[in-house]
Amino acid sequence: MKRRRVKRLYAHNSTRTCDTEHMAGLTWDQIDNIALELYEAHPETDPLTVRFTDLHKWITSLPAFSDDPAKSTEGKLEAIQMAWLEEYKDNP
């Protein structure tokens, strides 16, 4: 899998960098990193077509994911889905 460094500009003028080479130990709070991993694992999938139950399974089965599956919330899943959607739209 090709790894890349992603730099994104957010509406509040801050920049976040996701270093995809050091994603071991992903947790539910690493929204952008999880979204990037999902995009790389499922580049042709429109994130809006994925049910939260399937999204949860996909996230917890990512090789780098190491958090407690029970710690997910609907809000975290929605945030991950929206971040994944940004990746999907940015990479036609």
PDB file of N, CA and C in Angstrom:
ATOM      1  N   MET A   1       0.832  -1.171   0.000  1.00  0.00           N
ATOM      2  CA  MET A   1       0.000   0.000   0.000  1.00  0.00           C
ATOM      3  C   MET A   1       0.880   1.240   0.000  1.00  0.00           C
ATOM      4  N   LYS A   2       0.613   2.143  -0.879  1.00  0.00           N
ATOM      5  CA  LYS A   2       1.387   3.375  -0.979  1.00  0.00           C
ATOM      6  C   LYS A   2       1.031   4.307   0.176  1.00  0.00           C
ATOM      7  N   ARG A   3       2.031   4.805   0.842  1.00  0.00           N
ATOM      8  CA  ARG A   3       1.825   5.733   1.946  1.00  0.00           C
ATOM      9  C   ARG A   3       2.152   7.135   1.478  1.00  0.00           C
ATOM     10  N   ARG A   4       1.450   8.102   2.049  1.00  0.00           N
ATOM     11  CA  ARG A   4       1.687   9.484   1.652  1.00  0.00           C
ATOM     12  C   ARG A   4       1.486  10.396   2.839  1.00  0.00           C
ATOM     13  N   ARG A   5       2.028  11.559   2.732  1.00  0.00           N
ATOM     14  CA  ARG A   5       1.839  12.586   3.747  1.00  0.00           C
ATOM     15  C   ARG A   5       0.787  13.544   3.194  1.00  0.00           C
ATOM     16  N   VAL A   6      -0.230  13.779   3.993  1.00  0.00           N
ATOM     17  CA  VAL A   6      -1.345  14.606   3.549  1.00  0.00           C
ATOM     18  C   VAL A   6      -1.382  15.861   4.401  1.00  0.00           C
ATOM     19  N   LYS A   7      -1.457  16.992   3.750  1.00  0.00           N
ATOM     20  CA  LYS A   7      -1.573  18.254   4.460  1.00  0.00           C
ATOM     21  C   LYS A   7      -2.877  18.898   4.022  1.00  0.00           C
ATOM     22  N   ARG A   8      -3.744  19.192   4.961  1.00  0.00           N
ATOM     23  CA  ARG A   8      -5.059  19.721   4.632  1.00  0.00           C
ATOM     24  C   ARG A   8      -5.253  21.068   5.311  1.00  0.00           C
ATOM     25  N   LEU A   9      -5.931  21.954   4.635  1.00  0.00           N
ATOM     26  CA  LEU A   9      -6.274  23.253   5.197  1.00  0.00           C
ATOM     27  C   LEU A   9      -7.730  23.204   5.605  1.00  0.00           C
ATOM     28  N   TYR A  10      -8.030  23.561   6.833  1.00  0.00           N
ATOM     29  CA  TYR A  10      -9.388  23.525   7.342  1.00  0.00           C
ATOM     30  C   TYR A  10      -9.959  24.923   7.413  1.00  0.00           C
ATOM     31  N   ALA A  11     -11.250  25.030   7.532  1.00  0.00           N
ATOM     32  CA  ALA A  11     -11.960  26.301   7.484  1.00  0.00           C
ATOM     33  C   ALA A  11     -11.441  27.308   8.514  1.00  0.00           C
ATOM     34  N   HIS A  12     -10.972  26.851   9.640  1.00  0.00           N
ATOM     35  CA  HIS A  12     -10.509  27.769  10.672  1.00  0.00           C
ATOM     36  C   HIS A  12      -9.032  28.119  10.496  1.00  0.00           C
ATOM     37  N   ASN A  13      -8.510  27.894   9.292  1.00  0.00           N
ATOM     38  CA  ASN A  13      -7.147  28.266   8.908  1.00  0.00           C
ATOM     39  C   ASN A  13      -6.054  27.530   9.663  1.00  0.00           C
ATOM     40  N   SER A  14      -6.369  26.391  10.221  1.00  0.00           N
ATOM     41  CA  SER A  14      -5.293  25.582  10.798  1.00  0.00           C
ATOM     42  C   SER A  14      -4.983  24.465   9.817  1.00  0.00           C
ATOM     43  N   THR A  15      -3.817  23.927   9.920  1.00  0.00           N
ATOM     44  CA  THR A  15      -3.426  22.830   9.034  1.00  0.00           C
ATOM     45  C   THR A  15      -3.135  21.618   9.881  1.00  0.00           C
ATOM     46  N   ARG A  16      -3.550  20.472   9.400  1.00  0.00           N
ATOM     47  CA  ARG A  16      -3.229  19.222  10.086  1.00  0.00           C
ATOM     48  C   ARG A  16      -2.489  18.347   9.103  1.00  0.00           C
ATOM     49  N   THR A  17      -1.529  17.618   9.608  1.00  0.00           N
ATOM     50  CA  THR A  17      -0.784  16.694   8.766  1.00  0.00           C
ATOM     51  C   THR A  17      -1.000  15.288   9.271  1.00  0.00           C
ATOM     52  N   CYS A  18      -1.329  14.401   8.353  1.00  0.00           N
ATOM     53  CA  CYS A  18      -1.485  12.989   8.685  1.00  0.00           C
ATOM     54  C   CYS A  18      -0.280  12.261   8.131  1.00  0.00           C
ATOM     55  N   ASP A  19       0.560  11.777   8.999  1.00  0.00           N
ATOM     56  CA  ASP A  19       1.716  11.013   8.558  1.00  0.00           C
ATOM     57  C   ASP A  19       1.294   9.562   8.475  1.00  0.00           C
ATOM     58  N   THR A  20       0.998   9.099   7.275  1.00  0.00           N
ATOM     59  CA  THR A  20       0.434   7.768   7.106  1.00  0.00           C
ATOM     60  C   THR A  20       1.450   6.659   7.261  1.00  0.00           C
ATOM     61  N   GLU A  21       2.724   6.987   7.407  1.00  0.00           N
ATOM     62  CA  GLU A  21       3.716   5.944   7.633  1.00  0.00           C
ATOM     63  C   GLU A  21       3.794   5.557   9.100  1.00  0.00           C
ATOM     64  N   HIS A  22       3.211   6.369   9.966  1.00  0.00           N
ATOM     65  CA  HIS A  22       3.292   6.103  11.397  1.00  0.00           C
ATOM     66  C   HIS A  22       1.897   6.012  12.000  1.00  0.00           C
ATOM     67  N   MET A  23       1.052   5.195  11.403  1.00  0.00           N
ATOM     68  CA  MET A  23      -0.325   5.115  11.867  1.00  0.00           C
ATOM     69  C   MET A  23      -0.589   3.933  12.776  1.00  0.00           C
ATOM     70  N   ALA A  24       0.428   3.261  13.215  1.00  0.00           N
ATOM     71  CA  ALA A  24       0.210   2.136  14.122  1.00  0.00           C
ATOM     72  C   ALA A  24      -0.507   2.643  15.361  1.00  0.00           C
ATOM     73  N   GLY A  25      -1.478   1.897  15.798  1.00  0.00           N
ATOM     74  CA  GLY A  25      -2.196   2.286  16.995  1.00  0.00           C
ATOM     75  C   GLY A  25      -3.263   3.333  16.765  1.00  0.00           C
ATOM     76  N   LEU A  26      -3.984   3.268  15.656  1.00  0.00           N
ATOM     77  CA  LEU A  26      -5.061   4.222  15.403  1.00  0.00           C
ATOM     78  C   LEU A  26      -6.122   4.120  16.486  1.00  0.00           C
ATOM     79  N   THR A  27      -6.651   5.269  16.903  1.00  0.00           N
ATOM     80  CA  THR A  27      -7.731   5.316  17.879  1.00  0.00           C
ATOM     81  C   THR A  27      -8.913   6.076  17.290  1.00  0.00           C
ATOM     82  N   TRP A  28     -10.047   5.983  17.950  1.00  0.00           N
ATOM     83  CA  TRP A  28     -11.262   6.637  17.456  1.00  0.00           C
ATOM     84  C   TRP A  28     -11.101   8.138  17.310  1.00  0.00           C
ATOM     85  N   ASP A  29     -10.187   8.723  18.051  1.00  0.00           N
ATOM     86  CA  ASP A  29      -9.995  10.177  17.985  1.00  0.00           C
ATOM     87  C   ASP A  29      -9.147  10.630  16.803  1.00  0.00           C
ATOM     88  N   GLN A  30      -8.548   9.708  16.083  1.00  0.00           N
ATOM     89  CA  GLN A  30      -7.712  10.055  14.930  1.00  0.00           C
ATOM     90  C   GLN A  30      -8.563  10.004  13.649  1.00  0.00           C
ATOM     91  N   ILE A  31      -9.505  10.897  13.594  1.00  0.00           N
ATOM     92  CA  ILE A  31     -10.516  10.935  12.530  1.00  0.00           C
ATOM     93  C   ILE A  31      -9.883  10.981  11.143  1.00  0.00           C
ATOM     94  N   ASP A  32      -8.986  11.928  10.920  1.00  0.00           N
ATOM     95  CA  ASP A  32      -8.394  12.117   9.588  1.00  0.00           C
ATOM     96  C   ASP A  32      -7.539  10.921   9.171  1.00  0.00           C
ATOM     97  N   ASN A  33      -6.806  10.359  10.095  1.00  0.00           N
ATOM     98  CA  ASN A  33      -5.967   9.206   9.766  1.00  0.00           C
ATOM     99  C   ASN A  33      -6.822   7.987   9.412  1.00  0.00           C
ATOM    100  N   ILE A  34      -7.889   7.772  10.174  1.00  0.00           N
ATOM    101  CA  ILE A  34      -8.794   6.661   9.870  1.00  0.00           C
ATOM    102  C   ILE A  34      -9.439   6.883   8.508  1.00  0.00           C
ATOM    103  N   ALA A  35      -9.870   8.106   8.234  1.00  0.00           N
ATOM    104  CA  ALA A  35     -10.499   8.422   6.950  1.00  0.00           C
ATOM    105  C   ALA A  35      -9.546   8.141   5.794  1.00  0.00           C
ATOM    106  N   LEU A  36      -8.295   8.509   5.951  1.00  0.00           N
ATOM    107  CA  LEU A  36      -7.307   8.270   4.906  1.00  0.00           C
ATOM    108  C   LEU A  36      -7.092   6.772   4.698  1.00  0.00           C
ATOM    109  N   GLU A  37      -7.004   6.026   5.785  1.00  0.00           N
ATOM    110  CA  GLU A  37      -6.848   4.576   5.674  1.00  0.00           C
ATOM    111  C   GLU A  37      -8.060   3.946   4.980  1.00  0.00           C
ATOM    112  N   LEU A  38      -9.249   4.421   5.300  1.00  0.00           N
ATOM    113  CA  LEU A  38     -10.453   3.894   4.652  1.00  0.00           C
ATOM    114  C   LEU A  38     -10.458   4.228   3.165  1.00  0.00           C
ATOM    115  N   TYR A  39     -10.058   5.448   2.834  1.00  0.00           N
ATOM    116  CA  TYR A  39     -10.002   5.826   1.417  1.00  0.00           C
ATOM    117  C   TYR A  39      -9.010   4.928   0.668  1.00  0.00           C
ATOM    118  N   GLU A  40      -7.861   4.677   1.266  1.00  0.00           N
ATOM    119  CA  GLU A  40      -6.864   3.843   0.597  1.00  0.00           C
ATOM    120  C   GLU A  40      -7.320   2.389   0.494  1.00  0.00           C
ATOM    121  N   ALA A  41      -8.091   1.928   1.461  1.00  0.00           N
ATOM    122  CA  ALA A  41      -8.580   0.546   1.438  1.00  0.00           C
ATOM    123  C   ALA A  41      -9.778   0.378   0.502  1.00  0.00           C
ATOM    124  N   HIS A  42     -10.561   1.450   0.330  1.00  0.00           N
ATOM    125  CA  HIS A  42     -11.788   1.380  -0.476  1.00  0.00           C
ATOM    126  C   HIS A  42     -11.905   2.624  -1.365  1.00  0.00           C
ATOM    127  N   PRO A  43     -10.973   2.822  -2.295  1.00  0.00           N
ATOM    128  CA  PRO A  43     -10.940   4.067  -3.074  1.00  0.00           C
ATOM    129  C   PRO A  43     -12.152   4.290  -3.975  1.00  0.00           C
ATOM    130  N   GLU A  44     -12.826   3.245  -4.374  1.00  0.00           N
ATOM    131  CA  GLU A  44     -13.974   3.380  -5.276  1.00  0.00           C
ATOM    132  C   GLU A  44     -15.308   3.490  -4.536  1.00  0.00           C
ATOM    133  N   THR A  45     -15.285   3.381  -3.226  1.00  0.00           N
ATOM    134  CA  THR A  45     -16.520   3.387  -2.447  1.00  0.00           C
ATOM    135  C   THR A  45     -16.906   4.799  -2.045  1.00  0.00           C
ATOM    136  N   ASP A  46     -18.140   5.187  -2.367  1.00  0.00           N
ATOM    137  CA  ASP A  46     -18.676   6.462  -1.899  1.00  0.00           C
ATOM    138  C   ASP A  46     -19.000   6.287  -0.417  1.00  0.00           C
ATOM    139  N   PRO A  47     -18.356   7.033   0.458  1.00  0.00           N
ATOM    140  CA  PRO A  47     -18.568   6.858   1.896  1.00  0.00           C
ATOM    141  C   PRO A  47     -20.023   7.011   2.332  1.00  0.00           C
ATOM    142  N   LEU A  48     -20.799   7.788   1.588  1.00  0.00           N
ATOM    143  CA  LEU A  48     -22.190   7.996   1.973  1.00  0.00           C
ATOM    144  C   LEU A  48     -23.059   6.769   1.730  1.00  0.00           C
ATOM    145  N   THR A  49     -22.528   5.775   1.022  1.00  0.00           N
ATOM    146  CA  THR A  49     -23.288   4.551   0.775  1.00  0.00           C
ATOM    147  C   THR A  49     -23.003   3.474   1.828  1.00  0.00           C
ATOM    148  N   VAL A  50     -22.112   3.768   2.763  1.00  0.00           N
ATOM    149  CA  VAL A  50     -21.713   2.785   3.763  1.00  0.00           C
ATOM    150  C   VAL A  50     -22.526   2.993   5.048  1.00  0.00           C
ATOM    151  N   ARG A  51     -23.216   1.940   5.481  1.00  0.00           N
ATOM    152  CA  ARG A  51     -23.972   2.008   6.740  1.00  0.00           C
ATOM    153  C   ARG A  51     -22.996   2.066   7.909  1.00  0.00           C
ATOM    154  N   PHE A  52     -23.431   2.678   8.997  1.00  0.00           N
ATOM    155  CA  PHE A  52     -22.554   2.809  10.162  1.00  0.00           C
ATOM    156  C   PHE A  52     -22.127   1.453  10.711  1.00  0.00           C
ATOM    157  N   THR A  53     -22.979   0.447  10.638  1.00  0.00           N
ATOM    158  CA  THR A  53     -22.590  -0.881  11.124  1.00  0.00           C
ATOM    159  C   THR A  53     -21.428  -1.428  10.302  1.00  0.00           C
ATOM    160  N   ASP A  54     -21.487  -1.230   8.978  1.00  0.00           N
ATOM    161  CA  ASP A  54     -20.384  -1.677   8.112  1.00  0.00           C
ATOM    162  C   ASP A  54     -19.153  -0.801   8.315  1.00  0.00           C
ATOM    163  N   LEU A  55     -19.359   0.502   8.461  1.00  0.00           N
ATOM    164  CA  LEU A  55     -18.237   1.412   8.694  1.00  0.00           C
ATOM    165  C   LEU A  55     -17.486   1.007   9.957  1.00  0.00           C
ATOM    166  N   HIS A  56     -18.208   0.696  10.997  1.00  0.00           N
ATOM    167  CA  HIS A  56     -17.598   0.260  12.257  1.00  0.00           C
ATOM    168  C   HIS A  56     -16.744  -0.990  12.025  1.00  0.00           C
ATOM    169  N   LYS A  57     -17.271  -1.962  11.291  1.00  0.00           N
ATOM    170  CA  LYS A  57     -16.519  -3.187  10.991  1.00  0.00           C
ATOM    171  C   LYS A  57     -15.266  -2.887  10.187  1.00  0.00           C
ATOM    172  N   TRP A  58     -15.393  -2.009   9.185  1.00  0.00           N
ATOM    173  CA  TRP A  58     -14.248  -1.671   8.332  1.00  0.00           C
ATOM    174  C   TRP A  58     -13.156  -0.984   9.151  1.00  0.00           C
ATOM    175  N   ILE A  59     -13.554  -0.092  10.025  1.00  0.00           N
ATOM    176  CA  ILE A  59     -12.574   0.641  10.842  1.00  0.00           C
ATOM    177  C   ILE A  59     -11.855  -0.317  11.788  1.00  0.00           C
ATOM    178  N   THR A  60     -12.616  -1.127  12.498  1.00  0.00           N
ATOM    179  CA  THR A  60     -12.002  -2.009  13.490  1.00  0.00           C
ATOM    180  C   THR A  60     -11.171  -3.114  12.848  1.00  0.00           C
ATOM    181  N   SER A  61     -11.373  -3.344  11.550  1.00  0.00           N
ATOM    182  CA  SER A  61     -10.561  -4.353  10.868  1.00  0.00           C
ATOM    183  C   SER A  61      -9.345  -3.760  10.154  1.00  0.00           C
ATOM    184  N   LEU A  62      -9.162  -2.443  10.226  1.00  0.00           N
ATOM    185  CA  LEU A  62      -7.958  -1.834   9.660  1.00  0.00           C
ATOM    186  C   LEU A  62      -6.751  -2.367  10.424  1.00  0.00           C
ATOM    187  N   PRO A  63      -5.679  -2.749   9.721  1.00  0.00           N
ATOM    188  CA  PRO A  63      -4.502  -3.306  10.398  1.00  0.00           C
ATOM    189  C   PRO A  63      -3.917  -2.385  11.471  1.00  0.00           C
ATOM    190  N   ALA A  64      -3.992  -1.089  11.259  1.00  0.00           N
ATOM    191  CA  ALA A  64      -3.386  -0.151  12.201  1.00  0.00           C
ATOM    192  C   ALA A  64      -4.316   0.217  13.354  1.00  0.00           C
ATOM    193  N   PHE A  65      -5.569  -0.204  13.317  1.00  0.00           N
ATOM    194  CA  PHE A  65      -6.521   0.181  14.355  1.00  0.00           C
ATOM    195  C   PHE A  65      -6.301  -0.646  15.607  1.00  0.00           C
ATOM    196  N   SER A  66      -6.185   0.036  16.759  1.00  0.00           N
ATOM    197  CA  SER A  66      -5.914  -0.699  17.993  1.00  0.00           C
ATOM    198  C   SER A  66      -6.768  -0.253  19.177  1.00  0.00           C
ATOM    199  N   ASP A  67      -7.773   0.561  18.936  1.00  0.00           N
ATOM    200  CA  ASP A  67      -8.619   1.050  20.020  1.00  0.00           C
ATOM    201  C   ASP A  67      -9.706   0.027  20.357  1.00  0.00           C
ATOM    202  N   ASP A  68     -10.392   0.261  21.423  1.00  0.00           N
ATOM    203  CA  ASP A  68     -11.493  -0.590  21.861  1.00  0.00           C
ATOM    204  C   ASP A  68     -12.694  -0.359  20.938  1.00  0.00           C
ATOM    205  N   PRO A  69     -13.162  -1.388  20.236  1.00  0.00           N
ATOM    206  CA  PRO A  69     -14.308  -1.217  19.339  1.00  0.00           C
ATOM    207  C   PRO A  69     -15.545  -0.652  20.036  1.00  0.00           C
ATOM    208  N   ALA A  70     -15.699  -0.909  21.304  1.00  0.00           N
ATOM    209  CA  ALA A  70     -16.862  -0.433  22.046  1.00  0.00           C
ATOM    210  C   ALA A  70     -16.825   1.070  22.333  1.00  0.00           C
ATOM    211  N   LYS A  71     -15.685   1.712  22.111  1.00  0.00           N
ATOM    212  CA  LYS A  71     -15.560   3.151  22.373  1.00  0.00           C
ATOM    213  C   LYS A  71     -16.083   4.023  21.236  1.00  0.00           C
ATOM    214  N   SER A  72     -16.577   3.413  20.182  1.00  0.00           N
ATOM    215  CA  SER A  72     -17.100   4.221  19.080  1.00  0.00           C
ATOM    216  C   SER A  72     -18.433   4.838  19.483  1.00  0.00           C
ATOM    217  N   THR A  73     -18.734   5.960  18.841  1.00  0.00           N
ATOM    218  CA  THR A  73     -20.033   6.607  19.026  1.00  0.00           C
ATOM    219  C   THR A  73     -20.562   6.981  17.656  1.00  0.00           C
ATOM    220  N   GLU A  74     -21.832   7.276  17.586  1.00  0.00           N
ATOM    221  CA  GLU A  74     -22.415   7.698  16.309  1.00  0.00           C
ATOM    222  C   GLU A  74     -21.738   8.973  15.822  1.00  0.00           C
ATOM    223  N   GLY A  75     -21.421   9.872  16.741  1.00  0.00           N
ATOM    224  CA  GLY A  75     -20.752  11.115  16.373  1.00  0.00           C
ATOM    225  C   GLY A  75     -19.373  10.885  15.783  1.00  0.00           C
ATOM    226  N   LYS A  76     -18.616   9.954  16.355  1.00  0.00           N
ATOM    227  CA  LYS A  76     -17.285   9.647  15.826  1.00  0.00           C
ATOM    228  C   LYS A  76     -17.384   8.988  14.461  1.00  0.00           C
ATOM    229  N   LEU A  77     -18.335   8.069  14.305  1.00  0.00           N
ATOM    230  CA  LEU A  77     -18.511   7.419  13.004  1.00  0.00           C
ATOM    231  C   LEU A  77     -18.909   8.429  11.943  1.00  0.00           C
ATOM    232  N   GLU A  78     -19.782   9.359  12.304  1.00  0.00           N
ATOM    233  CA  GLU A  78     -20.197  10.389  11.344  1.00  0.00           C
ATOM    234  C   GLU A  78     -19.023  11.292  10.971  1.00  0.00           C
ATOM    235  N   ALA A  79     -18.208  11.668  11.944  1.00  0.00           N
ATOM    236  CA  ALA A  79     -17.042  12.514  11.662  1.00  0.00           C
ATOM    237  C   ALA A  79     -16.057  11.790  10.754  1.00  0.00           C
ATOM    238  N   ILE A  80     -15.839  10.504  10.993  1.00  0.00           N
ATOM    239  CA  ILE A  80     -14.951   9.711  10.146  1.00  0.00           C
ATOM    240  C   ILE A  80     -15.519   9.618   8.737  1.00  0.00           C
ATOM    241  N   GLN A  81     -16.818   9.383   8.638  1.00  0.00           N
ATOM    242  CA  GLN A  81     -17.455   9.279   7.326  1.00  0.00           C
ATOM    243  C   GLN A  81     -17.321  10.590   6.541  1.00  0.00           C
ATOM    244  N   MET A  82     -17.486  11.721   7.203  1.00  0.00           N
ATOM    245  CA  MET A  82     -17.375  13.019   6.529  1.00  0.00           C
ATOM    246  C   MET A  82     -15.926  13.307   6.115  1.00  0.00           C
ATOM    247  N   ALA A  83     -14.971  12.931   6.945  1.00  0.00           N
ATOM    248  CA  ALA A  83     -13.558  13.115   6.583  1.00  0.00           C
ATOM    249  C   ALA A  83     -13.189  12.208   5.418  1.00  0.00           C
ATOM    250  N   TRP A  84     -13.717  10.997   5.420  1.00  0.00           N
ATOM    251  CA  TRP A  84     -13.500  10.057   4.307  1.00  0.00           C
ATOM    252  C   TRP A  84     -14.126  10.617   3.034  1.00  0.00           C
ATOM    253  N   LEU A  85     -15.303  11.218   3.159  1.00  0.00           N
ATOM    254  CA  LEU A  85     -15.973  11.823   2.005  1.00  0.00           C
ATOM    255  C   LEU A  85     -15.106  12.932   1.397  1.00  0.00           C
ATOM    256  N   GLU A  86     -14.452  13.719   2.237  1.00  0.00           N
ATOM    257  CA  GLU A  86     -13.541  14.762   1.729  1.00  0.00           C
ATOM    258  C   GLU A  86     -12.419  14.139   0.908  1.00  0.00           C
ATOM    259  N   GLU A  87     -11.822  13.058   1.422  1.00  0.00           N
ATOM    260  CA  GLU A  87     -10.770  12.360   0.678  1.00  0.00           C
ATOM    261  C   GLU A  87     -11.312  11.849  -0.651  1.00  0.00           C
ATOM    262  N   TYR A  88     -12.482  11.268  -0.601  1.00  0.00           N
ATOM    263  CA  TYR A  88     -13.119  10.693  -1.800  1.00  0.00           C
ATOM    264  C   TYR A  88     -13.356  11.771  -2.856  1.00  0.00           C
ATOM    265  N   LYS A  89     -13.844  12.923  -2.432  1.00  0.00           N
ATOM    266  CA  LYS A  89     -14.119  14.020  -3.365  1.00  0.00           C
ATOM    267  C   LYS A  89     -12.839  14.672  -3.877  1.00  0.00           C
ATOM    268  N   ASP A  90     -11.800  14.707  -3.044  1.00  0.00           N
ATOM    269  CA  ASP A  90     -10.528  15.338  -3.429  1.00  0.00           C
ATOM    270  C   ASP A  90      -9.702  14.489  -4.369  1.00  0.00           C
ATOM    271  N   ASN A  91     -10.047  13.219  -4.536  1.00  0.00           N
ATOM    272  CA  ASN A  91      -9.277  12.299  -5.359  1.00  0.00           C
ATOM    273  C   ASN A  91     -10.179  11.600  -6.366  1.00  0.00           C
ATOM    274  N   PRO A  92     -10.611  12.339  -7.396  1.00  0.00           N
ATOM    275  CA  PRO A  92     -11.561  11.753  -8.370  1.00  0.00           C
ATOM    276  C   PRO A  92     -10.940  10.620  -9.183  1.00  0.00           C
TER     277      PRO A  92
END
